[in-house]
Amino acid sequence: MERETMCIQAGYQPKNGESRMIPIVQSTTFKYDTSEDMGKLFDLEESGYFYTRLANPTNDYVAAKICALEGGSAAVLTSSGQAATFFSVFNIAGVGDHVVASSTIYGGSFNLFAVTMKRMGVEFTFVDPDCSDEELEAAFRPNTKAVFGETIANPALIVFDIERFANAAHAHGVPLIVDNTFATPINCRPIEWGADIVTHSTTKYMDGHDATVGGAIVDSGKFDWMAHADKFPGLTTPDESYHGVVYAEKFGQGGAYINKIVAQLMRDLGPIPAPMNSYMLNLGLESLHVRMPRHCENALAVAKFLEAHDKIAWVNYPGLESSKYYERAKKYMPDGTCGVVSFGVKGGRAAAEAFMKELKVAMIATHVADAHTCVLHPASATHRQMNDEELLAAGVSPDLVRLSVGIENVKDIIADLENALDKVQI
């Protein structure tokens, strides 16, 4: 199926007389006729459900749809994008391990890696996504377990060179993890360019309506864990906390990574989405292929308007021909990038804040990437925990305004921006 059809059809196929829509299995537990039947589930001898903290049918139907959209082998939903980011790394890296990450990733992910996971014994080296080959090579260590980047950086909008970083990761026997939240599988499928694991904050474009928080992790099924068994003992040696199962042997190359997340991390930490949230996420997915082209079309029109305005200091949007990342975006995302535009107002931080106060259509909100047009000053909000040096490394200048262009009529969005800019004194 094409991706447009997958948005509607993938993940759940009702049988004769069954619900056309994905059923909401709003239950914490599941009944079995005998203890032996349930024991087979606990021993991972049979597939099924016994407790929603580990897995739930509604969640799995939606995970299967996202898996199909990304072209993966297995997937799991989490309660948030942040949980998906954490699990994607923690599933293969622990105390004493090391990860290479792009320095321009979302501020929440940067803090998770640089602060929280550092306290857990995992060390990260952050590299400029446009670093030289020598600088990238120097970032790797014998204990490196993964490389992490974002298809389109939030909010710097730097386009990640997926193929280059995949080649570097594979040369060192580790997987490449790519956060594909901004591009979505409608505009980019990182697995086709060498990524091994793909994550999403489904809270953004996939849901698309400010309705549900969630995350997803998709395994490509292409990374050979057994070929690098010494690097990934959690997948290639017995898990004594789960009857000695060896995930890479039991579930194979295409199922080991996700099954370990479910059987081990979900069991112990439990960030599973509520079935109702997954149901609502599915409603968003059914229109994803219709919304994304509109987001991109509107964002490009807004970017061109801002680029021509005399009160705008600079504009960053990968779809602009003036963008440093225009050609790279065309390579990885020929049909469009995303609906987010970054820019600076002449007059710096004060002018940016004054401009935002005058907006009527665009709402000041922490959120991004949904049907509503919204605006944020990252240095004061999402990246507030960073110092100036870290901000610049993340591609966030003090005057940067992140505008998430929605799917309203673009004439109204541009009129709103023009009115606000007219009132700014510089």
Protein backbone atom coordinates (compact mmCIF):
# COMPACT_ATOMS: atom_id res chain seq x y z
CA MET A 1 0.00 0.00 0.00
CA GLU A 2 1.02 3.61 -0.54
CA ARG A 3 1.46 5.74 2.58
CA GLU A 4 -1.82 7.57 2.03
CA THR A 5 -3.67 4.26 2.10
CA MET A 6 -1.67 3.05 5.09
CA CYS A 7 -2.85 6.06 7.09
CA ILE A 8 -6.38 4.71 6.70
CA GLN A 9 -6.00 0.95 6.39
CA ALA A 10 -2.79 -0.26 8.08
CA GLY A 11 -2.54 -1.82 11.53
CA TYR A 12 -6.08 -3.14 11.94
CA GLN A 13 -8.17 -5.28 9.61
CA PRO A 14 -11.64 -6.09 11.02
CA LYS A 15 -13.02 -9.55 10.41
CA ASN A 16 -16.57 -10.32 9.39
CA GLY A 17 -18.99 -8.47 11.66
CA GLU A 18 -16.27 -6.75 13.72
CA SER A 19 -15.95 -3.06 14.54
CA ARG A 20 -14.86 -0.99 11.53
CA MET A 21 -12.93 1.39 13.79
CA ILE A 22 -10.11 0.25 16.05
CA PRO A 23 -11.80 -0.97 19.25
CA ILE A 24 -10.96 0.74 22.53
CA VAL A 25 -9.96 -2.08 24.87
CA GLN A 26 -10.35 -0.09 28.08
CA SER A 27 -9.24 -2.82 30.46
CA THR A 28 -6.25 -3.24 32.72
CA THR A 29 -6.36 -7.04 32.76
CA PHE A 30 -7.35 -9.99 30.57
CA LYS A 31 -9.05 -13.27 31.56
CA TYR A 32 -7.73 -16.77 30.75
CA ASP A 33 -9.25 -20.21 31.25
CA THR A 34 -6.23 -21.78 32.95
CA SER A 35 -3.03 -20.80 34.73
CA GLU A 36 -1.15 -22.72 32.05
CA ASP A 37 -2.57 -20.43 29.37
CA MET A 38 -1.42 -17.36 31.23
CA GLY A 39 1.93 -18.96 32.06
CA LYS A 40 2.70 -19.29 28.36
CA LEU A 41 2.34 -15.52 28.04
CA PHE A 42 4.67 -14.86 30.97
CA ASP A 43 7.20 -17.27 29.45
CA LEU A 44 6.92 -15.43 26.09
CA GLU A 45 5.91 -18.72 24.51
CA GLU A 46 2.72 -17.25 23.06
CA SER A 47 1.62 -13.74 22.09
CA GLY A 48 -1.30 -12.14 23.87
CA TYR A 49 -2.26 -9.78 26.66
CA PHE A 50 -2.38 -10.11 30.41
CA TYR A 51 -1.79 -6.59 31.77
CA THR A 52 -2.09 -3.25 29.99
CA ARG A 53 1.06 -1.86 31.60
CA LEU A 54 2.98 -4.11 29.20
CA ALA A 55 0.71 -4.16 26.17
CA ASN A 56 -2.86 -3.52 25.06
CA PRO A 57 -4.62 -4.43 21.78
CA THR A 58 -5.68 -0.85 20.98
CA ASN A 59 -2.12 0.41 21.47
CA ASP A 60 -0.72 -2.40 19.34
CA TYR A 61 -3.10 -1.74 16.44
CA VAL A 62 -1.92 1.87 16.26
CA ALA A 63 1.74 0.91 16.74
CA ALA A 64 1.36 -1.48 13.80
CA LYS A 65 0.04 1.36 11.63
CA ILE A 66 3.01 3.60 12.46
CA CYS A 67 5.34 0.66 11.88
CA ALA A 68 3.87 0.17 8.41
CA LEU A 69 4.14 3.88 7.62
CA GLU A 70 7.84 3.88 8.55
CA GLY A 71 8.58 0.57 6.81
CA GLY A 72 9.73 -1.12 10.03
CA SER A 73 9.55 -4.64 11.43
CA ALA A 74 8.07 -3.91 14.88
CA ALA A 75 6.90 -0.92 16.92
CA VAL A 76 5.62 0.09 20.33
CA LEU A 77 3.74 3.14 21.63
CA THR A 78 4.78 5.05 24.74
CA SER A 79 2.99 7.57 26.92
CA SER A 80 5.03 10.49 25.51
CA GLY A 81 7.66 11.35 22.94
CA GLN A 82 10.11 11.88 25.79
CA ALA A 83 9.50 8.31 26.97
CA ALA A 84 10.10 7.06 23.42
CA THR A 85 13.40 8.96 23.23
CA PHE A 86 14.49 7.59 26.61
CA PHE A 87 13.54 3.99 25.86
CA SER A 88 15.12 4.06 22.39
CA VAL A 89 18.54 4.68 23.96
CA PHE A 90 18.17 3.03 27.37
CA ASN A 91 17.12 -0.22 25.73
CA ILE A 92 20.70 -0.68 24.49
CA ALA A 93 22.84 1.64 26.67
CA GLY A 94 23.39 1.56 30.42
CA VAL A 95 25.95 2.38 33.09
CA GLY A 96 29.39 2.87 31.58
CA ASP A 97 28.12 3.20 28.02
CA HIS A 98 28.43 6.09 25.58
CA VAL A 99 26.23 7.59 22.85
CA VAL A 100 26.98 10.08 20.06
CA ALA A 101 24.18 12.62 19.55
CA SER A 102 23.53 15.63 17.37
CA SER A 103 23.92 18.85 19.36
CA THR A 104 20.87 20.45 17.73
CA ILE A 105 18.24 18.06 19.05
CA TYR A 106 15.13 19.26 20.90
CA GLY A 107 15.95 20.92 24.23
CA GLY A 108 14.01 18.34 26.25
CA SER A 109 15.97 15.52 24.61
CA PHE A 110 19.26 17.35 25.19
CA ASN A 111 18.48 17.74 28.88
CA LEU A 112 17.39 14.09 29.15
CA PHE A 113 20.72 13.00 27.70
CA ALA A 114 23.09 15.57 29.20
CA VAL A 115 21.63 15.61 32.72
CA THR A 116 19.25 12.78 33.61
CA MET A 117 20.82 9.91 31.69
CA LYS A 118 24.28 11.15 32.67
CA ARG A 119 23.19 10.59 36.29
CA MET A 120 22.23 7.06 35.23
CA GLY A 121 25.77 6.41 34.02
CA VAL A 122 25.30 6.94 30.27
CA GLU A 123 27.65 9.53 28.76
CA PHE A 124 26.87 11.51 25.62
CA THR A 125 29.11 13.30 23.16
CA PHE A 126 27.26 16.01 21.25
CA VAL A 127 28.46 16.79 17.75
CA ASP A 128 27.52 19.51 15.31
CA PRO A 129 25.38 17.78 12.65
CA ASP A 130 27.50 19.58 10.05
CA CYS A 131 30.79 18.56 11.64
CA SER A 132 33.69 17.29 9.54
CA ASP A 133 34.25 13.59 8.97
CA GLU A 134 37.26 13.79 11.28
CA GLU A 135 35.22 15.38 14.07
CA LEU A 136 32.49 12.77 13.70
CA GLU A 137 34.97 9.92 13.75
CA ALA A 138 36.66 11.35 16.87
CA ALA A 139 33.34 11.30 18.75
CA PHE A 140 33.16 7.50 18.79
CA ARG A 141 34.59 5.40 21.62
CA PRO A 142 34.98 1.65 22.19
CA ASN A 143 31.92 1.79 24.50
CA THR A 144 29.70 3.76 22.06
CA LYS A 145 26.31 2.02 21.72
CA ALA A 146 24.29 4.29 19.41
CA VAL A 147 24.08 7.50 17.38
CA PHE A 148 21.06 9.80 17.79
CA GLY A 149 19.73 12.64 15.62
CA GLU A 150 16.55 14.38 14.40
CA THR A 151 15.41 14.41 10.78
CA ILE A 152 14.61 18.11 11.19
CA ALA A 153 15.99 19.69 14.35
CA ASN A 154 13.55 21.36 16.72
CA PRO A 155 13.68 24.40 16.59
CA ALA A 156 16.92 24.98 14.62
CA LEU A 157 15.41 23.26 11.52
CA ILE A 158 18.77 21.76 10.58
CA VAL A 159 18.26 18.85 8.20
CA PHE A 160 20.11 15.79 9.45
CA ASP A 161 22.31 13.96 6.93
CA ILE A 162 20.81 10.55 7.72
CA GLU A 163 22.85 8.56 5.23
CA ARG A 164 26.16 10.01 6.39
CA PHE A 165 25.50 9.39 10.08
CA ALA A 166 24.13 5.91 9.36
CA ASN A 167 27.34 4.99 7.54
CA ALA A 168 29.43 6.31 10.45
CA ALA A 169 27.33 4.42 13.02
CA HIS A 170 27.47 1.16 11.08
CA ALA A 171 31.23 1.46 10.61
CA HIS A 172 31.46 1.32 14.41
CA GLY A 173 28.93 -1.51 14.75
CA VAL A 174 26.15 0.56 16.37
CA PRO A 175 22.63 1.57 15.27
CA LEU A 176 21.46 5.01 14.17
CA ILE A 177 18.36 6.28 16.02
CA VAL A 178 16.44 9.07 14.26
CA ASP A 179 13.64 11.19 15.72
CA ASN A 180 11.33 11.70 12.74
CA THR A 181 8.69 13.80 14.53
CA PHE A 182 8.80 16.92 12.33
CA ALA A 183 9.02 15.24 8.93
CA THR A 184 6.67 12.31 9.74
CA PRO A 185 6.78 9.23 7.48
CA ILE A 186 4.66 11.16 4.96
CA ASN A 187 7.67 13.32 4.07
CA CYS A 188 10.61 11.12 5.09
CA ARG A 189 11.24 7.48 5.96
CA PRO A 190 14.66 7.44 7.67
CA ILE A 191 14.89 3.64 7.46
CA GLU A 192 15.19 3.95 3.68
CA TRP A 193 18.33 6.05 4.22
CA GLY A 194 20.01 3.72 6.71
CA ALA A 195 18.42 4.54 10.07
CA ASP A 196 17.92 1.50 12.28
CA ILE A 197 15.44 2.84 14.84
CA VAL A 198 12.92 5.65 14.39
CA THR A 199 11.18 7.55 17.18
CA HIS A 200 8.26 9.96 17.25
CA SER A 201 6.53 12.33 19.54
CA THR A 202 3.09 11.36 18.27
CA THR A 203 1.82 14.37 20.23
CA LYS A 204 2.81 16.50 17.24
CA TYR A 205 1.73 16.04 13.61
CA MET A 206 0.61 12.44 14.03
CA ASP A 207 -2.10 13.43 16.51
CA GLY A 208 -2.26 16.89 14.99
CA HIS A 209 -5.00 18.36 17.18
CA ASP A 210 -3.56 19.11 20.64
CA ALA A 211 -5.55 16.15 21.96
CA THR A 212 -3.18 13.42 23.13
CA VAL A 213 0.37 13.09 24.37
CA GLY A 214 2.23 10.05 23.10
CA GLY A 215 5.32 8.54 21.53
CA ALA A 216 6.35 5.71 19.26
CA ILE A 217 9.46 3.62 18.62
CA VAL A 218 9.90 1.70 15.35
CA ASP A 219 12.59 -0.89 14.72
CA SER A 220 13.76 -1.29 11.12
CA GLY A 221 14.64 -4.94 11.72
CA LYS A 222 17.82 -4.37 9.72
CA PHE A 223 20.44 -4.07 12.46
CA ASP A 224 22.14 -7.39 13.17
CA TRP A 225 22.43 -7.50 16.96
CA MET A 226 24.09 -10.92 17.00
CA ALA A 227 26.84 -9.70 14.66
CA HIS A 228 27.76 -7.24 17.41
CA ALA A 229 26.81 -9.45 20.34
CA ASP A 230 29.57 -8.18 22.62
CA LYS A 231 28.24 -4.61 22.35
CA PHE A 232 24.62 -5.49 23.13
CA PRO A 233 24.51 -8.13 25.87
CA GLY A 234 21.00 -7.04 26.86
CA LEU A 235 19.77 -8.44 23.56
CA THR A 236 22.22 -11.26 22.97
CA THR A 237 22.65 -12.87 26.40
CA PRO A 238 20.04 -14.37 28.79
CA ASP A 239 17.76 -11.92 30.59
CA GLU A 240 17.66 -13.45 34.06
CA SER A 241 14.77 -11.17 35.00
CA TYR A 242 12.64 -12.87 32.34
CA HIS A 243 13.30 -16.61 32.52
CA GLY A 244 16.67 -16.33 30.79
CA VAL A 245 15.24 -15.36 27.41
CA VAL A 246 17.77 -14.24 24.80
CA TYR A 247 15.79 -11.67 22.83
CA ALA A 248 17.88 -11.81 19.64
CA GLU A 249 17.47 -15.60 19.51
CA LYS A 250 13.84 -15.77 20.60
CA PHE A 251 12.46 -12.96 18.41
CA GLY A 252 15.07 -12.64 15.70
CA GLN A 253 16.63 -9.58 14.16
CA GLY A 254 13.27 -7.96 13.43
CA GLY A 255 11.64 -8.45 16.82
CA ALA A 256 14.33 -8.51 19.51
CA TYR A 257 14.63 -4.78 20.14
CA ILE A 258 10.91 -4.01 20.55
CA ASN A 259 10.14 -7.18 22.50
CA LYS A 260 12.87 -6.29 24.98
CA ILE A 261 11.30 -2.86 25.45
CA VAL A 262 7.91 -4.42 26.16
CA ALA A 263 9.03 -7.33 28.33
CA GLN A 264 11.63 -5.43 30.32
CA LEU A 265 11.30 -1.63 30.21
CA MET A 266 7.51 -1.41 30.02
CA ARG A 267 7.25 -4.03 32.73
CA ASP A 268 9.55 -2.10 35.08
CA LEU A 269 8.82 1.54 34.19
CA GLY A 270 5.34 1.41 32.66
CA PRO A 271 4.95 4.51 30.41
CA ILE A 272 2.20 2.93 28.33
CA PRO A 273 -0.43 5.15 26.66
CA ALA A 274 -4.08 4.86 27.69
CA PRO A 275 -6.09 2.94 25.08
CA MET A 276 -8.35 5.98 24.60
CA ASN A 277 -5.31 8.10 23.76
CA SER A 278 -4.20 5.59 21.15
CA TYR A 279 -7.69 5.57 19.65
CA MET A 280 -7.56 9.37 19.33
CA LEU A 281 -4.05 9.19 17.88
CA ASN A 282 -5.38 6.86 15.21
CA LEU A 283 -7.98 9.47 14.22
CA GLY A 284 -5.12 11.92 13.68
CA LEU A 285 -3.13 9.39 11.66
CA GLU A 286 -6.05 8.89 9.29
CA SER A 287 -5.71 12.49 8.05
CA LEU A 288 -1.91 12.83 8.35
CA HIS A 289 -1.36 12.45 4.61
CA VAL A 290 -3.89 15.23 3.93
CA ARG A 291 -2.60 17.65 6.57
CA MET A 292 1.14 17.46 5.97
CA PRO A 293 1.10 18.90 2.42
CA ARG A 294 -1.04 21.80 3.68
CA HIS A 295 1.34 22.47 6.57
CA CYS A 296 4.28 22.55 4.15
CA GLU A 297 2.47 24.71 1.59
CA ASN A 298 1.45 27.26 4.23
CA ALA A 299 4.87 27.29 5.88
CA LEU A 300 6.66 27.96 2.61
CA ALA A 301 4.33 30.89 1.85
CA VAL A 302 4.90 32.30 5.35
CA ALA A 303 8.68 31.85 5.07
CA LYS A 304 8.74 33.74 1.77
CA PHE A 305 6.66 36.56 3.29
CA LEU A 306 8.99 36.86 6.29
CA GLU A 307 12.10 36.70 4.12
CA ALA A 308 10.89 39.77 2.22
CA HIS A 309 9.88 41.79 5.31
CA ASP A 310 12.17 44.65 6.36
CA LYS A 311 11.67 44.03 10.10
CA ILE A 312 12.85 40.43 9.93
CA ALA A 313 16.56 39.85 10.55
CA TRP A 314 16.74 36.30 9.22
CA VAL A 315 14.53 33.34 8.28
CA ASN A 316 15.29 29.63 8.48
CA TYR A 317 13.11 27.18 6.61
CA PRO A 318 14.52 24.18 4.72
CA GLY A 319 12.03 24.68 1.89
CA LEU A 320 13.46 28.11 0.99
CA GLU A 321 15.97 28.10 -1.84
CA SER A 322 18.10 30.42 0.28
CA SER A 323 18.35 27.82 3.04
CA LYS A 324 21.69 26.16 3.70
CA TYR A 325 19.78 22.88 3.89
CA TYR A 326 17.65 23.28 0.76
CA GLU A 327 19.50 20.66 -1.31
CA ARG A 328 19.72 18.21 1.59
CA ALA A 329 16.01 18.65 2.24
CA LYS A 330 15.29 17.94 -1.42
CA LYS A 331 17.28 14.72 -1.13
CA TYR A 332 15.57 13.36 1.96
CA MET A 333 12.20 15.13 1.73
CA PRO A 334 11.42 15.93 -1.92
CA ASP A 335 7.70 16.44 -1.23
CA GLY A 336 8.11 18.92 1.65
CA THR A 337 9.70 19.19 5.06
CA CYS A 338 7.43 20.43 7.86
CA GLY A 339 5.26 23.36 8.93
CA VAL A 340 7.73 24.98 11.32
CA VAL A 341 9.57 28.22 10.47
CA SER A 342 12.27 29.84 12.61
CA PHE A 343 13.13 33.52 12.30
CA GLY A 344 14.49 36.53 14.14
CA VAL A 345 12.89 39.97 14.51
CA LYS A 346 15.20 42.95 14.16
CA GLY A 347 15.71 44.37 17.64
CA GLY A 348 16.53 41.04 19.27
CA ARG A 349 14.81 39.35 22.19
CA ALA A 350 12.77 42.39 23.26
CA ALA A 351 11.43 42.94 19.75
CA ALA A 352 10.58 39.24 19.43
CA GLU A 353 8.58 39.30 22.65
CA ALA A 354 6.79 42.53 21.62
CA PHE A 355 5.91 41.00 18.25
CA MET A 356 4.46 37.88 19.84
CA LYS A 357 2.17 39.92 22.12
CA GLU A 358 0.44 41.41 19.07
CA LEU A 359 -0.46 38.12 17.38
CA LYS A 360 -4.14 37.16 17.26
CA VAL A 361 -4.36 34.07 15.01
CA ALA A 362 -1.07 32.54 16.12
CA MET A 363 -1.26 31.47 19.75
CA ILE A 364 1.66 31.58 22.19
CA ALA A 365 1.96 27.95 23.23
CA THR A 366 4.60 25.42 24.21
CA HIS A 367 3.20 23.07 21.63
CA VAL A 368 4.29 22.73 18.02
CA ALA A 369 3.28 20.84 14.89
CA ASP A 370 -0.50 20.69 15.00
CA ALA A 371 -3.48 22.12 13.12
CA HIS A 372 -3.35 25.45 14.97
CA THR A 373 -0.76 28.09 14.19
CA CYS A 374 1.27 28.70 17.33
CA VAL A 375 4.41 30.59 18.27
CA LEU A 376 7.12 30.26 20.90
CA HIS A 377 10.33 31.94 22.05
CA PRO A 378 12.46 28.82 22.78
CA ALA A 379 15.21 30.62 24.75
CA SER A 380 12.53 31.59 27.28
CA ALA A 381 10.63 28.30 27.21
CA THR A 382 11.64 24.88 25.82
CA HIS A 383 15.38 25.66 25.93
CA ARG A 384 15.26 27.78 29.08
CA GLN A 385 17.48 25.33 31.00
CA MET A 386 20.39 25.86 28.57
CA ASN A 387 23.13 28.44 28.98
CA ASP A 388 24.11 30.73 26.07
CA GLU A 389 26.86 28.39 24.87
CA GLU A 390 24.50 25.40 24.83
CA LEU A 391 21.82 27.48 23.10
CA LEU A 392 24.16 28.41 20.27
CA ALA A 393 25.35 24.79 19.96
CA ALA A 394 21.70 23.77 19.64
CA GLY A 395 21.17 26.35 16.91
CA VAL A 396 18.98 28.55 19.11
CA SER A 397 19.82 32.25 19.17
CA PRO A 398 18.27 34.54 21.82
CA ASP A 399 16.09 36.22 19.19
CA LEU A 400 14.82 33.01 17.60
CA VAL A 401 11.04 32.76 17.21
CA ARG A 402 9.60 29.34 16.39
CA LEU A 403 6.43 29.63 14.33
CA SER A 404 4.46 26.44 13.84
CA VAL A 405 2.31 27.15 10.80
CA GLY A 406 -1.08 25.46 10.99
CA ILE A 407 -3.62 24.53 8.34
CA GLU A 408 -5.76 27.66 8.56
CA ASN A 409 -6.09 29.82 5.45
CA VAL A 410 -2.58 31.11 4.85
CA LYS A 411 -3.92 34.60 4.02
CA ASP A 412 -5.14 34.94 7.61
CA ILE A 413 -1.83 33.71 9.01
CA ILE A 414 0.19 36.17 6.94
CA ALA A 415 -2.18 39.05 7.76
CA ASP A 416 -1.74 38.29 11.45
CA LEU A 417 2.06 38.34 11.14
CA GLU A 418 1.98 41.56 9.12
CA ASN A 419 -0.25 43.30 11.66
CA ALA A 420 2.01 42.27 14.56
CA LEU A 421 5.16 43.36 12.74
CA ASP A 422 3.63 46.75 11.92
CA LYS A 423 3.28 47.42 15.66
CA VAL A 424 6.84 46.47 16.55
CA GLN A 425 9.20 49.39 17.17
CA ILE A 426 12.79 48.69 16.16
